[in-house]
Amino acid sequence: MDRVKAKIALITGAGTGVGRACMKLFATEGAKVVGVSRTQKNLDETLGIVKSAGGEGIVVAADLSTAAGAQKAVDAALKAYGRIDILVNCAGVGYSWMEKSPGSMNAIDDTSPEKWAEVMSINLDSVFHMCRLVIPQMKKQGGGAIVNVTSISGFQGLAGAHTYTAAKGGAINLTRSIAVTYCADNIRANCIAPGFIATPMVESVLNLFDDPQMADRLTPMKRPGTPEEMAYACLYLGSDESSYCQGTILVVDGGTTARQ
C-alpha cells in the first residue's frame, strides 16, 4: 500500500480497460488521480469506482488526439492539484475500432490515408501531445515518471492492423528517446508492452481463446491478461520502486513473445 502516496497521477484512456484499472489501483495506493477519456459517461463510472474504493480524483472529458484536448486535460490536472507526478498514457484504439471505423485495422495496401491518420492521431499523437505538455511541468517541479502503454505488436509483425503496429512501435521508441533526453531532469520514461488483454479494445478477437489449441498458440498461459495485471505493471514503473528503470520495455504478455 501507499506506493504512490501523495503523488498526482494523470491517466489517459481512463474510461475503460487498463486506464480504468490504473485509476482504481493508483488511487488505492495513495495517489490523487486525474482520469481523461473522450466519453463522460465512462469517466463518471470510473470515478465512482475510485471513490467507492476510498480514493480521490477528478475526470476530464477530452479528445487527446488533438493538441487542444491534451491542453484541456493538463490544465484541469494543474488547476485541481498544482502538479503532475505521474503520467500514464493508456488512451488508444485496437481491433474493436473496426466496428466504428471500417478499414482502420487493415494491411497497408488496404488502408486509406484518412484511416492511417485517424489511428495514428489516437494511438501515437495522443502520447506526443501529452508528453509535450507534461514534461515542462515535470522539469519545473523537479521530476516525474511517464508510463506509456504500448503493445508487443510494436516490435513484431502482424498480417493486418499495420497502422496500429506502426503507432505502437513509434510509442516504444518515443519512450526510449524521452528517457535518454530527460534523464538529467529526473524524469523517468518507461513503457509496458501487453499481449492479449481482456478489454473492450480487443473484445472482438477474445473468442479465439475458447479453442484450447488456438489458446495455446496465442500464449503459453492459454488466457488473456487482465486490465488489473497491466495496471500493476504501470504502478511499478510509475512508482519509486522502479527508480533505476529508464527506457524500459516491460513485456506483460503471458509468455507470447518468449517463444519467438
Protein backbone atom coordinates (compact mmCIF):
# COMPACT_ATOMS: atom_id res chain seq x y z
CA MET A 1 0.00 0.00 0.00
CA ASP A 2 0.90 3.68 -0.39
CA ARG A 3 3.40 3.04 -3.21
CA VAL A 4 2.40 6.34 -4.84
CA LYS A 5 1.22 8.14 -1.72
CA ALA A 6 0.70 11.90 -2.18
CA LYS A 7 1.50 11.68 -5.89
CA ILE A 8 -0.66 13.21 -8.60
CA ALA A 9 -1.27 10.73 -11.42
CA LEU A 10 -2.73 11.81 -14.76
CA ILE A 11 -4.11 8.74 -16.53
CA THR A 12 -5.45 8.75 -20.08
CA GLY A 13 -7.84 6.20 -21.53
CA ALA A 14 -9.43 6.13 -18.08
CA GLY A 15 -12.94 5.36 -19.23
CA THR A 16 -12.44 1.62 -19.70
CA GLY A 17 -9.92 -1.21 -19.66
CA VAL A 18 -6.36 -0.68 -18.50
CA GLY A 19 -6.86 3.04 -17.88
CA ARG A 20 -9.80 2.38 -15.58
CA ALA A 21 -7.85 -0.30 -13.72
CA CYS A 22 -4.94 2.13 -13.32
CA MET A 23 -7.25 4.78 -11.91
CA LYS A 24 -8.51 2.45 -9.20
CA LEU A 25 -5.13 0.94 -8.35
CA PHE A 26 -3.17 4.20 -8.26
CA ALA A 27 -5.88 5.75 -6.07
CA THR A 28 -5.89 2.86 -3.61
CA GLU A 29 -2.10 3.13 -3.49
CA GLY A 30 -2.33 6.72 -2.30
CA ALA A 31 -2.31 8.89 -5.43
CA LYS A 32 -4.79 11.56 -6.35
CA VAL A 33 -5.88 10.60 -9.85
CA VAL A 34 -6.96 12.60 -12.87
CA GLY A 35 -8.70 10.48 -15.48
CA VAL A 36 -9.07 11.51 -19.09
CA SER A 37 -11.12 9.95 -21.88
CA ARG A 38 -13.48 11.02 -24.64
CA THR A 39 -16.70 9.68 -23.09
CA GLN A 40 -18.06 11.40 -19.98
CA LYS A 41 -20.37 8.51 -19.04
CA ASN A 42 -17.47 6.05 -18.89
CA LEU A 43 -15.39 8.51 -16.91
CA ASP A 44 -18.18 9.01 -14.39
CA GLU A 45 -18.37 5.24 -13.90
CA THR A 46 -14.61 5.08 -13.36
CA LEU A 47 -14.67 7.91 -10.83
CA GLY A 48 -17.46 6.12 -8.98
CA ILE A 49 -15.25 3.03 -8.73
CA VAL A 50 -12.35 5.14 -7.46
CA LYS A 51 -14.46 6.80 -4.78
CA SER A 52 -16.06 3.52 -3.73
CA ALA A 53 -12.55 2.19 -3.12
CA GLY A 54 -11.78 5.19 -0.90
CA GLY A 55 -9.75 7.07 -3.49
CA GLU A 56 -9.72 10.70 -4.57
CA GLY A 57 -9.71 12.14 -8.07
CA ILE A 58 -11.35 14.02 -10.89
CA VAL A 59 -12.18 13.21 -14.50
CA VAL A 60 -11.92 15.26 -17.69
CA ALA A 61 -13.62 14.52 -21.00
CA ALA A 62 -11.21 15.42 -23.80
CA ASP A 63 -10.05 14.21 -27.21
CA LEU A 64 -6.34 13.62 -26.74
CA SER A 65 -5.72 13.11 -30.44
CA THR A 66 -5.74 16.91 -30.62
CA ALA A 67 -3.44 19.47 -29.05
CA ALA A 68 -6.44 21.33 -27.63
CA GLY A 69 -7.79 18.20 -25.93
CA ALA A 70 -4.44 17.46 -24.32
CA GLN A 71 -4.15 21.06 -23.13
CA LYS A 72 -7.61 20.80 -21.55
CA ALA A 73 -6.57 17.68 -19.64
CA VAL A 74 -3.28 19.07 -18.38
CA ASP A 75 -4.83 22.40 -17.41
CA ALA A 76 -7.52 20.60 -15.39
CA ALA A 77 -4.95 18.48 -13.55
CA LEU A 78 -2.83 21.51 -12.67
CA LYS A 79 -5.85 23.57 -11.61
CA ALA A 80 -7.04 20.80 -9.30
CA TYR A 81 -3.73 19.67 -7.80
CA GLY A 82 -0.94 22.02 -8.90
CA ARG A 83 1.45 19.37 -10.20
CA ILE A 84 1.69 16.14 -12.22
CA ASP A 85 3.99 13.49 -10.78
CA ILE A 86 2.99 10.55 -12.96
CA LEU A 87 1.64 10.43 -16.50
CA VAL A 88 0.18 7.13 -17.69
CA ASN A 89 -0.74 7.14 -21.38
CA CYS A 90 -3.35 4.41 -21.88
CA ALA A 91 -5.53 6.10 -24.50
CA GLY A 92 -5.81 4.22 -27.77
CA VAL A 93 -7.87 2.06 -30.09
CA GLY A 94 -7.45 -1.54 -31.21
CA TYR A 95 -9.31 -4.18 -33.16
CA SER A 96 -12.71 -3.17 -31.80
CA TRP A 97 -12.28 0.19 -33.53
CA MET A 98 -13.07 -1.59 -36.81
CA GLU A 99 -16.73 -1.64 -35.79
CA LYS A 100 -16.82 2.15 -35.60
CA SER A 101 -14.27 2.77 -38.32
CA PRO A 102 -14.17 0.05 -41.00
CA GLY A 103 -10.79 -0.18 -42.69
CA SER A 104 -8.85 1.14 -39.71
CA MET A 105 -7.16 -2.17 -38.87
CA ASN A 106 -6.24 -3.31 -42.38
CA ALA A 107 -2.95 -4.13 -44.07
CA ILE A 108 -1.08 -1.19 -45.60
CA ASP A 109 -2.27 -1.71 -49.18
CA ASP A 110 -5.87 -1.64 -47.95
CA THR A 111 -5.52 1.38 -45.67
CA SER A 112 -6.57 4.82 -46.81
CA PRO A 113 -4.55 7.91 -45.87
CA GLU A 114 -7.54 9.03 -43.80
CA LYS A 115 -7.61 5.80 -41.76
CA TRP A 116 -3.84 5.94 -41.27
CA ALA A 117 -4.07 9.49 -39.93
CA GLU A 118 -7.05 8.61 -37.74
CA VAL A 119 -5.41 5.70 -35.91
CA MET A 120 -2.05 7.46 -35.67
CA SER A 121 -3.68 10.51 -34.11
CA ILE A 122 -5.39 8.43 -31.43
CA ASN A 123 -2.62 5.95 -30.65
CA LEU A 124 0.57 7.98 -31.17
CA ASP A 125 -0.24 11.66 -31.49
CA SER A 126 -2.02 11.50 -28.11
CA VAL A 127 1.23 10.34 -26.50
CA PHE A 128 3.10 13.17 -28.18
CA HIS A 129 0.57 15.81 -27.14
CA MET A 130 0.51 14.69 -23.51
CA CYS A 131 4.27 14.28 -23.13
CA ARG A 132 4.93 17.61 -24.85
CA LEU A 133 2.83 19.38 -22.23
CA VAL A 134 3.65 17.35 -19.14
CA ILE A 135 7.45 17.23 -19.49
CA PRO A 136 7.95 21.00 -18.97
CA GLN A 137 5.80 20.79 -15.83
CA MET A 138 7.83 17.83 -14.55
CA LYS A 139 11.07 19.71 -15.25
CA LYS A 140 9.74 22.71 -13.32
CA GLN A 141 8.77 20.63 -10.28
CA GLY A 142 11.97 18.59 -10.22
CA GLY A 143 10.99 15.32 -11.89
CA GLY A 144 8.31 12.76 -12.57
CA ALA A 145 7.51 9.44 -14.20
CA ILE A 146 5.95 8.70 -17.58
CA VAL A 147 4.48 5.28 -18.37
CA ASN A 148 3.28 4.58 -21.90
CA VAL A 149 1.04 1.60 -22.62
CA THR A 150 2.24 0.15 -25.92
CA SER A 151 1.96 -3.43 -27.25
CA ILE A 152 4.05 -6.43 -28.24
CA SER A 153 2.70 -5.60 -31.70
CA GLY A 154 5.06 -2.63 -31.61
CA PHE A 155 8.05 -4.89 -32.13
CA GLN A 156 6.63 -7.85 -34.00
CA GLY A 157 4.95 -8.05 -37.38
CA LEU A 158 1.24 -8.70 -37.87
CA ALA A 159 -0.62 -9.69 -41.01
CA GLY A 160 -3.02 -6.78 -40.52
CA ALA A 161 -3.51 -3.71 -38.33
CA HIS A 162 -0.42 -2.09 -39.85
CA THR A 163 -1.29 1.41 -38.69
CA TYR A 164 -1.77 0.10 -35.15
CA THR A 165 1.58 -1.70 -35.14
CA ALA A 166 3.36 1.35 -36.54
CA ALA A 167 1.83 3.57 -33.88
CA LYS A 168 2.81 1.22 -31.07
CA GLY A 169 6.32 0.88 -32.44
CA GLY A 170 6.56 4.65 -32.56
CA ALA A 171 5.36 4.94 -28.97
CA ILE A 172 8.03 2.49 -27.82
CA ASN A 173 10.88 4.38 -29.44
CA LEU A 174 9.48 7.74 -28.37
CA THR A 175 9.51 6.43 -24.80
CA ARG A 176 13.15 5.42 -25.10
CA SER A 177 14.12 8.78 -26.62
CA ILE A 178 12.34 10.68 -23.84
CA ALA A 179 14.18 8.52 -21.30
CA VAL A 180 17.55 9.40 -22.78
CA THR A 181 16.83 13.10 -23.24
CA TYR A 182 15.25 13.98 -19.89
CA CYS A 183 17.11 11.71 -17.51
CA ALA A 184 19.10 14.66 -16.18
CA ASP A 185 15.80 16.36 -15.31
CA ASN A 186 14.89 13.45 -13.03
CA ILE A 187 12.15 12.36 -15.44
CA ARG A 188 11.84 8.63 -15.99
CA ALA A 189 10.06 7.28 -19.07
CA ASN A 190 9.20 3.61 -19.46
CA CYS A 191 6.52 1.56 -21.16
CA ILE A 192 4.66 -1.68 -20.80
CA ALA A 193 4.06 -3.90 -23.82
CA PRO A 194 0.97 -6.04 -23.25
CA GLY A 195 -0.10 -9.03 -25.27
CA PHE A 196 -3.75 -10.10 -25.46
CA ILE A 197 -5.68 -8.32 -22.71
CA ALA A 198 -9.36 -8.84 -21.89
CA THR A 199 -10.55 -5.29 -22.58
CA PRO A 200 -13.19 -3.82 -24.90
CA MET A 201 -10.35 -2.85 -27.27
CA VAL A 202 -9.79 -6.48 -28.36
CA GLU A 203 -13.15 -7.92 -27.36
CA SER A 204 -13.89 -8.96 -30.94
CA VAL A 205 -10.96 -11.43 -31.03
CA LEU A 206 -11.05 -12.77 -27.46
CA ASN A 207 -13.21 -15.70 -28.58
CA LEU A 208 -10.04 -17.20 -30.04
CA PHE A 209 -9.20 -18.32 -26.50
CA ASP A 210 -12.31 -20.53 -26.47
CA ASP A 211 -10.44 -23.00 -28.68
CA PRO A 212 -7.82 -24.78 -26.49
CA GLN A 213 -5.44 -25.34 -29.40
CA MET A 214 -5.68 -21.74 -30.53
CA ALA A 215 -5.30 -20.52 -26.95
CA ASP A 216 -2.07 -22.49 -26.64
CA ARG A 217 -0.78 -20.97 -29.88
CA LEU A 218 -1.56 -17.47 -28.69
CA THR A 219 0.19 -17.68 -25.32
CA PRO A 220 1.69 -20.36 -23.07
CA MET A 221 -0.63 -19.22 -20.27
CA LYS A 222 -3.62 -20.04 -22.52
CA ARG A 223 -5.59 -16.99 -21.42
CA PRO A 224 -5.67 -13.26 -21.99
CA GLY A 225 -4.28 -10.95 -19.36
CA THR A 226 -6.50 -8.75 -17.22
CA PRO A 227 -6.58 -4.96 -17.02
CA GLU A 228 -5.60 -5.25 -13.37
CA GLU A 229 -2.43 -7.17 -14.27
CA MET A 230 -1.45 -4.38 -16.65
CA ALA A 231 -2.26 -1.76 -14.02
CA TYR A 232 0.17 -3.38 -11.57
CA ALA A 233 2.90 -3.17 -14.21
CA CYS A 234 2.11 0.51 -14.73
CA LEU A 235 2.12 1.08 -10.98
CA TYR A 236 5.58 -0.43 -10.68
CA LEU A 237 7.01 1.79 -13.42
CA GLY A 238 5.23 4.86 -12.08
CA SER A 239 6.40 4.36 -8.50
CA ASP A 240 9.78 4.87 -6.87
CA GLU A 241 10.15 1.07 -6.72
CA SER A 242 11.38 1.29 -10.32
CA SER A 243 13.80 4.15 -9.68
CA TYR A 244 16.56 2.54 -11.79
CA CYS A 245 14.26 1.76 -14.75
CA GLN A 246 14.79 4.18 -17.61
CA GLY A 247 13.68 3.46 -21.18
CA THR A 248 12.43 0.03 -20.11
CA ILE A 249 10.03 -2.02 -22.22
CA LEU A 250 8.24 -4.21 -19.68
CA VAL A 251 6.65 -7.06 -21.64
CA VAL A 252 3.47 -8.35 -19.98
CA ASP A 253 2.17 -10.97 -22.41
CA GLY A 254 1.79 -14.32 -20.65
CA GLY A 255 4.83 -15.67 -22.47
CA THR A 256 3.63 -14.97 -26.03
CA THR A 257 6.91 -13.49 -27.23
CA ALA A 258 9.07 -15.90 -25.19
CA ARG A 259 8.55 -18.49 -27.94
CA GLN A 260 9.99 -16.30 -30.65
